[in-house]
Amino acid sequence: MYSIQALWTAAHHKLPLTVVLVNNGGYRIIKQRLRAFHNDERFIGMDFIDPPVDFAAVARGLGLEAMRIDTPDGLGVLAEAFRNPAPKLIEVVVDRSL
């Protein structure tokens, strides 16, 4: 969510770019740092669950080819995606627990 608008730039310039977005449902790295450095577990505004963000749909809206993988069986598409350079996003949904 920091710079998702860059996907439009990739589509606009037809960059041979495959973005793999690992979707853990929020800002897990910030949560980990908050817990480790400040012993704080008040994770305000760090989850994308209500409503959930469909990053593949956002990418399609910005002009990219996109797909969402939510099972390990779906990971086989990665090799094909890298063989065919084009502006695309592959959203890989992973466990959201901290």
PDB file of N, CA and C in Angstrom:
ATOM      1  N   MET A   1       0.812  -1.191   0.000  1.00  0.00           N
ATOM      2  CA  MET A   1       0.000   0.000   0.000  1.00  0.00           C
ATOM      3  C   MET A   1       0.861   1.263   0.000  1.00  0.00           C
ATOM      4  N   TYR A   2       2.174   1.133   0.181  1.00  0.00           N
ATOM      5  CA  TYR A   2       3.031   2.312   0.231  1.00  0.00           C
ATOM      6  C   TYR A   2       3.092   3.041  -1.104  1.00  0.00           C
ATOM      7  N   SER A   3       3.168   2.299  -2.201  1.00  0.00           N
ATOM      8  CA  SER A   3       3.340   2.957  -3.503  1.00  0.00           C
ATOM      9  C   SER A   3       2.662   2.165  -4.613  1.00  0.00           C
ATOM     10  N   ILE A   4       1.430   1.768  -4.365  1.00  0.00           N
ATOM     11  CA  ILE A   4       0.727   0.924  -5.327  1.00  0.00           C
ATOM     12  C   ILE A   4       0.515   1.626  -6.670  1.00  0.00           C
ATOM     13  N   GLN A   5       0.552   2.940  -6.671  1.00  0.00           N
ATOM     14  CA  GLN A   5       0.372   3.676  -7.930  1.00  0.00           C
ATOM     15  C   GLN A   5       1.490   3.382  -8.925  1.00  0.00           C
ATOM     16  N   ALA A   6       2.597   2.840  -8.479  1.00  0.00           N
ATOM     17  CA  ALA A   6       3.681   2.475  -9.393  1.00  0.00           C
ATOM     18  C   ALA A   6       3.241   1.382 -10.372  1.00  0.00           C
ATOM     19  N   LEU A   7       2.207   0.635 -10.018  1.00  0.00           N
ATOM     20  CA  LEU A   7       1.692  -0.376 -10.944  1.00  0.00           C
ATOM     21  C   LEU A   7       1.147   0.280 -12.213  1.00  0.00           C
ATOM     22  N   TRP A   8       0.488   1.426 -12.063  1.00  0.00           N
ATOM     23  CA  TRP A   8      -0.013   2.138 -13.240  1.00  0.00           C
ATOM     24  C   TRP A   8       1.162   2.543 -14.133  1.00  0.00           C
ATOM     25  N   THR A   9       2.238   3.013 -13.527  1.00  0.00           N
ATOM     26  CA  THR A   9       3.417   3.421 -14.298  1.00  0.00           C
ATOM     27  C   THR A   9       3.973   2.238 -15.079  1.00  0.00           C
ATOM     28  N   ALA A  10       4.016   1.067 -14.458  1.00  0.00           N
ATOM     29  CA  ALA A  10       4.494  -0.138 -15.153  1.00  0.00           C
ATOM     30  C   ALA A  10       3.609  -0.454 -16.347  1.00  0.00           C
ATOM     31  N   ALA A  11       2.294  -0.346 -16.162  1.00  0.00           N
ATOM     32  CA  ALA A  11       1.367  -0.614 -17.266  1.00  0.00           C
ATOM     33  C   ALA A  11       1.514   0.441 -18.363  1.00  0.00           C
ATOM     34  N   HIS A  12       1.590   1.684 -17.971  1.00  0.00           N
ATOM     35  CA  HIS A  12       1.695   2.792 -18.928  1.00  0.00           C
ATOM     36  C   HIS A  12       2.926   2.657 -19.824  1.00  0.00           C
ATOM     37  N   HIS A  13       4.045   2.279 -19.225  1.00  0.00           N
ATOM     38  CA  HIS A  13       5.299   2.155 -19.976  1.00  0.00           C
ATOM     39  C   HIS A  13       5.527   0.749 -20.517  1.00  0.00           C
ATOM     40  N   LYS A  14       4.545  -0.127 -20.303  1.00  0.00           N
ATOM     41  CA  LYS A  14       4.621  -1.510 -20.781  1.00  0.00           C
ATOM     42  C   LYS A  14       5.929  -2.180 -20.346  1.00  0.00           C
ATOM     43  N   LEU A  15       6.265  -2.014 -19.087  1.00  0.00           N
ATOM     44  CA  LEU A  15       7.502  -2.565 -18.548  1.00  0.00           C
ATOM     45  C   LEU A  15       7.418  -4.091 -18.439  1.00  0.00           C
ATOM     46  N   PRO A  16       8.481  -4.791 -18.784  1.00  0.00           N
ATOM     47  CA  PRO A  16       8.499  -6.248 -18.659  1.00  0.00           C
ATOM     48  C   PRO A  16       8.744  -6.638 -17.196  1.00  0.00           C
ATOM     49  N   LEU A  17       7.726  -6.429 -16.395  1.00  0.00           N
ATOM     50  CA  LEU A  17       7.869  -6.503 -14.940  1.00  0.00           C
ATOM     51  C   LEU A  17       6.803  -7.422 -14.353  1.00  0.00           C
ATOM     52  N   THR A  18       7.237  -8.415 -13.604  1.00  0.00           N
ATOM     53  CA  THR A  18       6.306  -9.259 -12.863  1.00  0.00           C
ATOM     54  C   THR A  18       6.471  -8.931 -11.396  1.00  0.00           C
ATOM     55  N   VAL A  19       5.429  -8.377 -10.804  1.00  0.00           N
ATOM     56  CA  VAL A  19       5.437  -8.042  -9.381  1.00  0.00           C
ATOM     57  C   VAL A  19       4.785  -9.193  -8.635  1.00  0.00           C
ATOM     58  N   VAL A  20       5.499  -9.739  -7.655  1.00  0.00           N
ATOM     59  CA  VAL A  20       4.921 -10.766  -6.788  1.00  0.00           C
ATOM     60  C   VAL A  20       4.648 -10.090  -5.452  1.00  0.00           C
ATOM     61  N   LEU A  21       3.384  -9.966  -5.130  1.00  0.00           N
ATOM     62  CA  LEU A  21       2.972  -9.313  -3.900  1.00  0.00           C
ATOM     63  C   LEU A  21       2.573 -10.400  -2.898  1.00  0.00           C
ATOM     64  N   VAL A  22       3.281 -10.475  -1.793  1.00  0.00           N
ATOM     65  CA  VAL A  22       2.972 -11.449  -0.755  1.00  0.00           C
ATOM     66  C   VAL A  22       1.990 -10.788   0.201  1.00  0.00           C
ATOM     67  N   ASN A  23       0.754 -11.240   0.152  1.00  0.00           N
ATOM     68  CA  ASN A  23      -0.325 -10.618   0.918  1.00  0.00           C
ATOM     69  C   ASN A  23      -0.511 -11.342   2.245  1.00  0.00           C
ATOM     70  N   ASN A  24      -0.044 -10.704   3.317  1.00  0.00           N
ATOM     71  CA  ASN A  24      -0.222 -11.262   4.652  1.00  0.00           C
ATOM     72  C   ASN A  24      -1.336 -10.545   5.413  1.00  0.00           C
ATOM     73  N   GLY A  25      -2.141  -9.792   4.699  1.00  0.00           N
ATOM     74  CA  GLY A  25      -3.303  -9.158   5.308  1.00  0.00           C
ATOM     75  C   GLY A  25      -3.032  -7.866   6.047  1.00  0.00           C
ATOM     76  N   GLY A  26      -1.822  -7.340   5.952  1.00  0.00           N
ATOM     77  CA  GLY A  26      -1.553  -6.085   6.645  1.00  0.00           C
ATOM     78  C   GLY A  26      -0.080  -5.746   6.668  1.00  0.00           C
ATOM     79  N   TYR A  27       0.281  -4.913   7.590  1.00  0.00           N
ATOM     80  CA  TYR A  27       1.667  -4.468   7.747  1.00  0.00           C
ATOM     81  C   TYR A  27       2.371  -5.309   8.809  1.00  0.00           C
ATOM     82  N   ARG A  28       2.642  -6.575   8.496  1.00  0.00           N
ATOM     83  CA  ARG A  28       3.237  -7.489   9.474  1.00  0.00           C
ATOM     84  C   ARG A  28       4.608  -6.999   9.950  1.00  0.00           C
ATOM     85  N   ILE A  29       5.424  -6.468   9.061  1.00  0.00           N
ATOM     86  CA  ILE A  29       6.758  -6.024   9.463  1.00  0.00           C
ATOM     87  C   ILE A  29       6.677  -4.918  10.514  1.00  0.00           C
ATOM     88  N   ILE A  30       5.718  -4.025  10.377  1.00  0.00           N
ATOM     89  CA  ILE A  30       5.564  -2.960  11.365  1.00  0.00           C
ATOM     90  C   ILE A  30       5.090  -3.544  12.691  1.00  0.00           C
ATOM     91  N   LYS A  31       4.198  -4.518  12.622  1.00  0.00           N
ATOM     92  CA  LYS A  31       3.738  -5.187  13.850  1.00  0.00           C
ATOM     93  C   LYS A  31       4.907  -5.863  14.567  1.00  0.00           C
ATOM     94  N   GLN A  32       5.735  -6.550  13.805  1.00  0.00           N
ATOM     95  CA  GLN A  32       6.880  -7.233  14.406  1.00  0.00           C
ATOM     96  C   GLN A  32       7.823  -6.242  15.084  1.00  0.00           C
ATOM     97  N   ARG A  33       8.080  -5.123  14.436  1.00  0.00           N
ATOM     98  CA  ARG A  33       8.975  -4.117  15.018  1.00  0.00           C
ATOM     99  C   ARG A  33       8.349  -3.465  16.244  1.00  0.00           C
ATOM    100  N   LEU A  34       7.060  -3.220  16.203  1.00  0.00           N
ATOM    101  CA  LEU A  34       6.358  -2.637  17.341  1.00  0.00           C
ATOM    102  C   LEU A  34       6.467  -3.561  18.552  1.00  0.00           C
ATOM    103  N   ARG A  35       6.269  -4.839  18.306  1.00  0.00           N
ATOM    104  CA  ARG A  35       6.374  -5.815  19.386  1.00  0.00           C
ATOM    105  C   ARG A  35       7.818  -5.939  19.889  1.00  0.00           C
ATOM    106  N   ALA A  36       8.783  -6.043  18.972  1.00  0.00           N
ATOM    107  CA  ALA A  36      10.178  -6.278  19.348  1.00  0.00           C
ATOM    108  C   ALA A  36      10.828  -5.083  20.042  1.00  0.00           C
ATOM    109  N   PHE A  37      10.599  -3.893  19.536  1.00  0.00           N
ATOM    110  CA  PHE A  37      11.304  -2.723  20.041  1.00  0.00           C
ATOM    111  C   PHE A  37      10.551  -1.950  21.112  1.00  0.00           C
ATOM    112  N   HIS A  38       9.229  -2.093  21.126  1.00  0.00           N
ATOM    113  CA  HIS A  38       8.431  -1.293  22.065  1.00  0.00           C
ATOM    114  C   HIS A  38       7.544  -2.137  22.974  1.00  0.00           C
ATOM    115  N   ASN A  39       7.608  -3.479  22.807  1.00  0.00           N
ATOM    116  CA  ASN A  39       6.795  -4.388  23.605  1.00  0.00           C
ATOM    117  C   ASN A  39       5.322  -3.955  23.583  1.00  0.00           C
ATOM    118  N   ASP A  40       4.858  -3.577  22.402  1.00  0.00           N
ATOM    119  CA  ASP A  40       3.504  -3.053  22.228  1.00  0.00           C
ATOM    120  C   ASP A  40       2.765  -3.914  21.204  1.00  0.00           C
ATOM    121  N   GLU A  41       1.569  -4.324  21.523  1.00  0.00           N
ATOM    122  CA  GLU A  41       0.775  -5.129  20.595  1.00  0.00           C
ATOM    123  C   GLU A  41      -0.540  -4.446  20.237  1.00  0.00           C
ATOM    124  N   ARG A  42      -0.573  -3.136  20.304  1.00  0.00           N
ATOM    125  CA  ARG A  42      -1.755  -2.394  19.852  1.00  0.00           C
ATOM    126  C   ARG A  42      -1.537  -2.057  18.382  1.00  0.00           C
ATOM    127  N   PHE A  43      -2.036  -2.923  17.530  1.00  0.00           N
ATOM    128  CA  PHE A  43      -1.810  -2.801  16.086  1.00  0.00           C
ATOM    129  C   PHE A  43      -2.971  -2.044  15.442  1.00  0.00           C
ATOM    130  N   ILE A  44      -2.961  -0.758  15.576  1.00  0.00           N
ATOM    131  CA  ILE A  44      -4.044   0.084  15.073  1.00  0.00           C
ATOM    132  C   ILE A  44      -3.801   0.414  13.599  1.00  0.00           C
ATOM    133  N   GLY A  45      -4.778   0.112  12.756  1.00  0.00           N
ATOM    134  CA  GLY A  45      -4.688   0.440  11.332  1.00  0.00           C
ATOM    135  C   GLY A  45      -3.658  -0.353  10.561  1.00  0.00           C
ATOM    136  N   MET A  46      -3.331  -1.551  11.009  1.00  0.00           N
ATOM    137  CA  MET A  46      -2.286  -2.332  10.354  1.00  0.00           C
ATOM    138  C   MET A  46      -2.794  -3.593   9.670  1.00  0.00           C
ATOM    139  N   ASP A  47      -4.114  -3.765   9.625  1.00  0.00           N
ATOM    140  CA  ASP A  47      -4.695  -4.947   8.987  1.00  0.00           C
ATOM    141  C   ASP A  47      -5.618  -4.524   7.845  1.00  0.00           C
ATOM    142  N   PHE A  48      -5.551  -5.274   6.752  1.00  0.00           N
ATOM    143  CA  PHE A  48      -6.412  -5.017   5.592  1.00  0.00           C
ATOM    144  C   PHE A  48      -7.494  -6.096   5.547  1.00  0.00           C
ATOM    145  N   ILE A  49      -8.348  -6.127   6.561  1.00  0.00           N
ATOM    146  CA  ILE A  49      -9.335  -7.203   6.633  1.00  0.00           C
ATOM    147  C   ILE A  49     -10.775  -6.723   6.642  1.00  0.00           C
ATOM    148  N   ASP A  50     -11.014  -5.465   6.894  1.00  0.00           N
ATOM    149  CA  ASP A  50     -12.394  -4.985   6.965  1.00  0.00           C
ATOM    150  C   ASP A  50     -12.523  -3.654   6.253  1.00  0.00           C
ATOM    151  N   PRO A  51     -12.624  -3.621   4.956  1.00  0.00           N
ATOM    152  CA  PRO A  51     -12.737  -4.755   4.033  1.00  0.00           C
ATOM    153  C   PRO A  51     -11.351  -5.258   3.602  1.00  0.00           C
ATOM    154  N   PRO A  52     -11.285  -6.504   3.178  1.00  0.00           N
ATOM    155  CA  PRO A  52     -10.005  -7.015   2.682  1.00  0.00           C
ATOM    156  C   PRO A  52      -9.646  -6.350   1.357  1.00  0.00           C
ATOM    157  N   VAL A  53      -8.363  -6.224   1.086  1.00  0.00           N
ATOM    158  CA  VAL A  53      -7.903  -5.627  -0.168  1.00  0.00           C
ATOM    159  C   VAL A  53      -7.627  -6.751  -1.172  1.00  0.00           C
ATOM    160  N   ASP A  54      -8.227  -6.655  -2.322  1.00  0.00           N
ATOM    161  CA  ASP A  54      -7.982  -7.587  -3.416  1.00  0.00           C
ATOM    162  C   ASP A  54      -6.963  -6.916  -4.335  1.00  0.00           C
ATOM    163  N   PHE A  55      -5.690  -7.186  -4.078  1.00  0.00           N
ATOM    164  CA  PHE A  55      -4.627  -6.504  -4.815  1.00  0.00           C
ATOM    165  C   PHE A  55      -4.625  -6.872  -6.295  1.00  0.00           C
ATOM    166  N   ALA A  56      -5.021  -8.088  -6.633  1.00  0.00           N
ATOM    167  CA  ALA A  56      -5.097  -8.465  -8.048  1.00  0.00           C
ATOM    168  C   ALA A  56      -6.135  -7.602  -8.755  1.00  0.00           C
ATOM    169  N   ALA A  57      -7.259  -7.360  -8.115  1.00  0.00           N
ATOM    170  CA  ALA A  57      -8.287  -6.510  -8.712  1.00  0.00           C
ATOM    171  C   ALA A  57      -7.795  -5.074  -8.838  1.00  0.00           C
ATOM    172  N   VAL A  58      -7.084  -4.585  -7.839  1.00  0.00           N
ATOM    173  CA  VAL A  58      -6.522  -3.231  -7.904  1.00  0.00           C
ATOM    174  C   VAL A  58      -5.550  -3.140  -9.086  1.00  0.00           C
ATOM    175  N   ALA A  59      -4.690  -4.149  -9.224  1.00  0.00           N
ATOM    176  CA  ALA A  59      -3.718  -4.144 -10.325  1.00  0.00           C
ATOM    177  C   ALA A  59      -4.410  -4.154 -11.679  1.00  0.00           C
ATOM    178  N   ARG A  60      -5.461  -4.962 -11.816  1.00  0.00           N
ATOM    179  CA  ARG A  60      -6.210  -4.966 -13.083  1.00  0.00           C
ATOM    180  C   ARG A  60      -6.813  -3.592 -13.343  1.00  0.00           C
ATOM    181  N   GLY A  61      -7.293  -2.947 -12.301  1.00  0.00           N
ATOM    182  CA  GLY A  61      -7.852  -1.601 -12.438  1.00  0.00           C
ATOM    183  C   GLY A  61      -6.813  -0.578 -12.859  1.00  0.00           C
ATOM    184  N   LEU A  62      -5.547  -0.860 -12.583  1.00  0.00           N
ATOM    185  CA  LEU A  62      -4.462   0.036 -12.969  1.00  0.00           C
ATOM    186  C   LEU A  62      -3.830  -0.369 -14.307  1.00  0.00           C
ATOM    187  N   GLY A  63      -4.410  -1.385 -14.955  1.00  0.00           N
ATOM    188  CA  GLY A  63      -3.974  -1.755 -16.296  1.00  0.00           C
ATOM    189  C   GLY A  63      -3.050  -2.947 -16.401  1.00  0.00           C
ATOM    190  N   LEU A  64      -2.828  -3.672 -15.324  1.00  0.00           N
ATOM    191  CA  LEU A  64      -1.933  -4.824 -15.374  1.00  0.00           C
ATOM    192  C   LEU A  64      -2.724  -6.117 -15.526  1.00  0.00           C
ATOM    193  N   GLU A  65      -2.065  -7.097 -16.085  1.00  0.00           N
ATOM    194  CA  GLU A  65      -2.531  -8.470 -16.025  1.00  0.00           C
ATOM    195  C   GLU A  65      -2.321  -8.877 -14.563  1.00  0.00           C
ATOM    196  N   ALA A  66      -3.243  -9.609 -13.971  1.00  0.00           N
ATOM    197  CA  ALA A  66      -3.081  -9.942 -12.557  1.00  0.00           C
ATOM    198  C   ALA A  66      -3.786 -11.240 -12.214  1.00  0.00           C
ATOM    199  N   MET A  67      -3.255 -11.906 -11.206  1.00  0.00           N
ATOM    200  CA  MET A  67      -3.883 -13.107 -10.680  1.00  0.00           C
ATOM    201  C   MET A  67      -3.637 -13.211  -9.188  1.00  0.00           C
ATOM    202  N   ARG A  68      -4.478 -13.972  -8.539  1.00  0.00           N
ATOM    203  CA  ARG A  68      -4.396 -14.167  -7.093  1.00  0.00           C
ATOM    204  C   ARG A  68      -4.207 -15.651  -6.820  1.00  0.00           C
ATOM    205  N   ILE A  69      -3.205 -15.981  -6.028  1.00  0.00           N
ATOM    206  CA  ILE A  69      -2.930 -17.369  -5.650  1.00  0.00           C
ATOM    207  C   ILE A  69      -3.205 -17.494  -4.153  1.00  0.00           C
ATOM    208  N   ASP A  70      -4.090 -18.406  -3.800  1.00  0.00           N
ATOM    209  CA  ASP A  70      -4.380 -18.571  -2.374  1.00  0.00           C
ATOM    210  C   ASP A  70      -4.204 -20.000  -1.886  1.00  0.00           C
ATOM    211  N   THR A  71      -3.600 -20.858  -2.722  1.00  0.00           N
ATOM    212  CA  THR A  71      -3.250 -22.213  -2.294  1.00  0.00           C
ATOM    213  C   THR A  71      -1.850 -22.532  -2.793  1.00  0.00           C
ATOM    214  N   PRO A  72      -1.134 -23.395  -2.105  1.00  0.00           N
ATOM    215  CA  PRO A  72       0.216 -23.761  -2.576  1.00  0.00           C
ATOM    216  C   PRO A  72       0.216 -24.355  -3.979  1.00  0.00           C
ATOM    217  N   ASP A  73      -0.856 -25.019  -4.366  1.00  0.00           N
ATOM    218  CA  ASP A  73      -0.922 -25.612  -5.702  1.00  0.00           C
ATOM    219  C   ASP A  73      -0.854 -24.555  -6.799  1.00  0.00           C
ATOM    220  N   GLY A  74      -1.278 -23.359  -6.513  1.00  0.00           N
ATOM    221  CA  GLY A  74      -1.292 -22.299  -7.508  1.00  0.00           C
ATOM    222  C   GLY A  74       0.062 -21.703  -7.820  1.00  0.00           C
ATOM    223  N   LEU A  75       1.068 -22.018  -7.025  1.00  0.00           N
ATOM    224  CA  LEU A  75       2.384 -21.403  -7.212  1.00  0.00           C
ATOM    225  C   LEU A  75       3.073 -21.803  -8.515  1.00  0.00           C
ATOM    226  N   GLY A  76       2.583 -22.841  -9.168  1.00  0.00           N
ATOM    227  CA  GLY A  76       3.170 -23.276 -10.433  1.00  0.00           C
ATOM    228  C   GLY A  76       3.118 -22.222 -11.520  1.00  0.00           C
ATOM    229  N   VAL A  77       2.242 -21.251 -11.402  1.00  0.00           N
ATOM    230  CA  VAL A  77       2.134 -20.206 -12.435  1.00  0.00           C
ATOM    231  C   VAL A  77       3.311 -19.237 -12.404  1.00  0.00           C
ATOM    232  N   LEU A  78       4.072 -19.231 -11.333  1.00  0.00           N
ATOM    233  CA  LEU A  78       5.174 -18.269 -11.232  1.00  0.00           C
ATOM    234  C   LEU A  78       6.202 -18.449 -12.343  1.00  0.00           C
ATOM    235  N   ALA A  79       6.590 -19.678 -12.619  1.00  0.00           N
ATOM    236  CA  ALA A  79       7.593 -19.920 -13.661  1.00  0.00           C
ATOM    237  C   ALA A  79       7.099 -19.406 -15.004  1.00  0.00           C
ATOM    238  N   GLU A  80       5.848 -19.661 -15.326  1.00  0.00           N
ATOM    239  CA  GLU A  80       5.274 -19.182 -16.589  1.00  0.00           C
ATOM    240  C   GLU A  80       5.244 -17.659 -16.635  1.00  0.00           C
ATOM    241  N   ALA A  81       4.906 -17.044 -15.529  1.00  0.00           N
ATOM    242  CA  ALA A  81       4.844 -15.579 -15.471  1.00  0.00           C
ATOM    243  C   ALA A  81       6.209 -14.963 -15.743  1.00  0.00           C
ATOM    244  N   PHE A  82       7.260 -15.553 -15.202  1.00  0.00           N
ATOM    245  CA  PHE A  82       8.596 -14.997 -15.415  1.00  0.00           C
ATOM    246  C   PHE A  82       9.112 -15.249 -16.832  1.00  0.00           C
ATOM    247  N   ARG A  83       8.600 -16.288 -17.484  1.00  0.00           N
ATOM    248  CA  ARG A  83       9.011 -16.554 -18.871  1.00  0.00           C
ATOM    249  C   ARG A  83       8.365 -15.590 -19.858  1.00  0.00           C
ATOM    250  N   ASN A  84       7.269 -14.980 -19.469  1.00  0.00           N
ATOM    251  CA  ASN A  84       6.528 -14.083 -20.355  1.00  0.00           C
ATOM    252  C   ASN A  84       6.516 -12.670 -19.775  1.00  0.00           C
ATOM    253  N   PRO A  85       7.567 -11.896 -20.036  1.00  0.00           N
ATOM    254  CA  PRO A  85       7.653 -10.558 -19.447  1.00  0.00           C
ATOM    255  C   PRO A  85       6.554  -9.627 -19.943  1.00  0.00           C
ATOM    256  N   ALA A  86       5.881  -9.031 -19.002  1.00  0.00           N
ATOM    257  CA  ALA A  86       4.818  -8.058 -19.277  1.00  0.00           C
ATOM    258  C   ALA A  86       4.464  -7.423 -17.947  1.00  0.00           C
ATOM    259  N   PRO A  87       3.846  -6.256 -17.966  1.00  0.00           N
ATOM    260  CA  PRO A  87       3.443  -5.660 -16.690  1.00  0.00           C
ATOM    261  C   PRO A  87       2.339  -6.516 -16.064  1.00  0.00           C
ATOM    262  N   LYS A  88       2.690  -7.208 -14.968  1.00  0.00           N
ATOM    263  CA  LYS A  88       1.715  -8.071 -14.318  1.00  0.00           C
ATOM    264  C   LYS A  88       1.973  -8.145 -12.824  1.00  0.00           C
ATOM    265  N   LEU A  89       0.934  -8.522 -12.111  1.00  0.00           N
ATOM    266  CA  LEU A  89       1.034  -8.698 -10.666  1.00  0.00           C
ATOM    267  C   LEU A  89       0.500 -10.073 -10.317  1.00  0.00           C
ATOM    268  N   ILE A  90       1.226 -10.767  -9.465  1.00  0.00           N
ATOM    269  CA  ILE A  90       0.764 -12.033  -8.917  1.00  0.00           C
ATOM    270  C   ILE A  90       0.664 -11.844  -7.414  1.00  0.00           C
ATOM    271  N   GLU A  91      -0.552 -11.903  -6.914  1.00  0.00           N
ATOM    272  CA  GLU A  91      -0.803 -11.765  -5.487  1.00  0.00           C
ATOM    273  C   GLU A  91      -0.786 -13.154  -4.868  1.00  0.00           C
ATOM    274  N   VAL A  92       0.108 -13.359  -3.902  1.00  0.00           N
ATOM    275  CA  VAL A  92       0.204 -14.648  -3.216  1.00  0.00           C
ATOM    276  C   VAL A  92      -0.259 -14.442  -1.785  1.00  0.00           C
ATOM    277  N   VAL A  93      -1.375 -15.057  -1.443  1.00  0.00           N
ATOM    278  CA  VAL A  93      -1.951 -14.926  -0.114  1.00  0.00           C
ATOM    279  C   VAL A  93      -1.258 -15.908   0.823  1.00  0.00           C
ATOM    280  N   VAL A  94      -0.743 -15.398   1.939  1.00  0.00           N
ATOM    281  CA  VAL A  94      -0.065 -16.228   2.936  1.00  0.00           C
ATOM    282  C   VAL A  94      -0.742 -16.061   4.288  1.00  0.00           C
ATOM    283  N   ASP A  95      -0.302 -16.866   5.229  1.00  0.00           N
ATOM    284  CA  ASP A  95      -0.836 -16.811   6.589  1.00  0.00           C
ATOM    285  C   ASP A  95      -0.684 -15.410   7.147  1.00  0.00           C
ATOM    286  N   ARG A  96      -1.725 -14.898   7.731  1.00  0.00           N
ATOM    287  CA  ARG A  96      -1.704 -13.510   8.229  1.00  0.00           C
ATOM    288  C   ARG A  96      -1.342 -13.403   9.701  1.00  0.00           C
ATOM    289  N   SER A  97      -1.127 -14.541  10.368  1.00  0.00           N
ATOM    290  CA  SER A  97      -0.826 -14.449  11.795  1.00  0.00           C
ATOM    291  C   SER A  97       0.559 -13.866  12.023  1.00  0.00           C
ATOM    292  N   LEU A  98       0.702 -13.216  13.155  1.00  0.00           N
ATOM    293  CA  LEU A  98       1.985 -12.606  13.506  1.00  0.00           C
ATOM    294  C   LEU A  98       2.801 -13.677  14.134  1.00  0.00           C
TER     295      LEU A  98
END
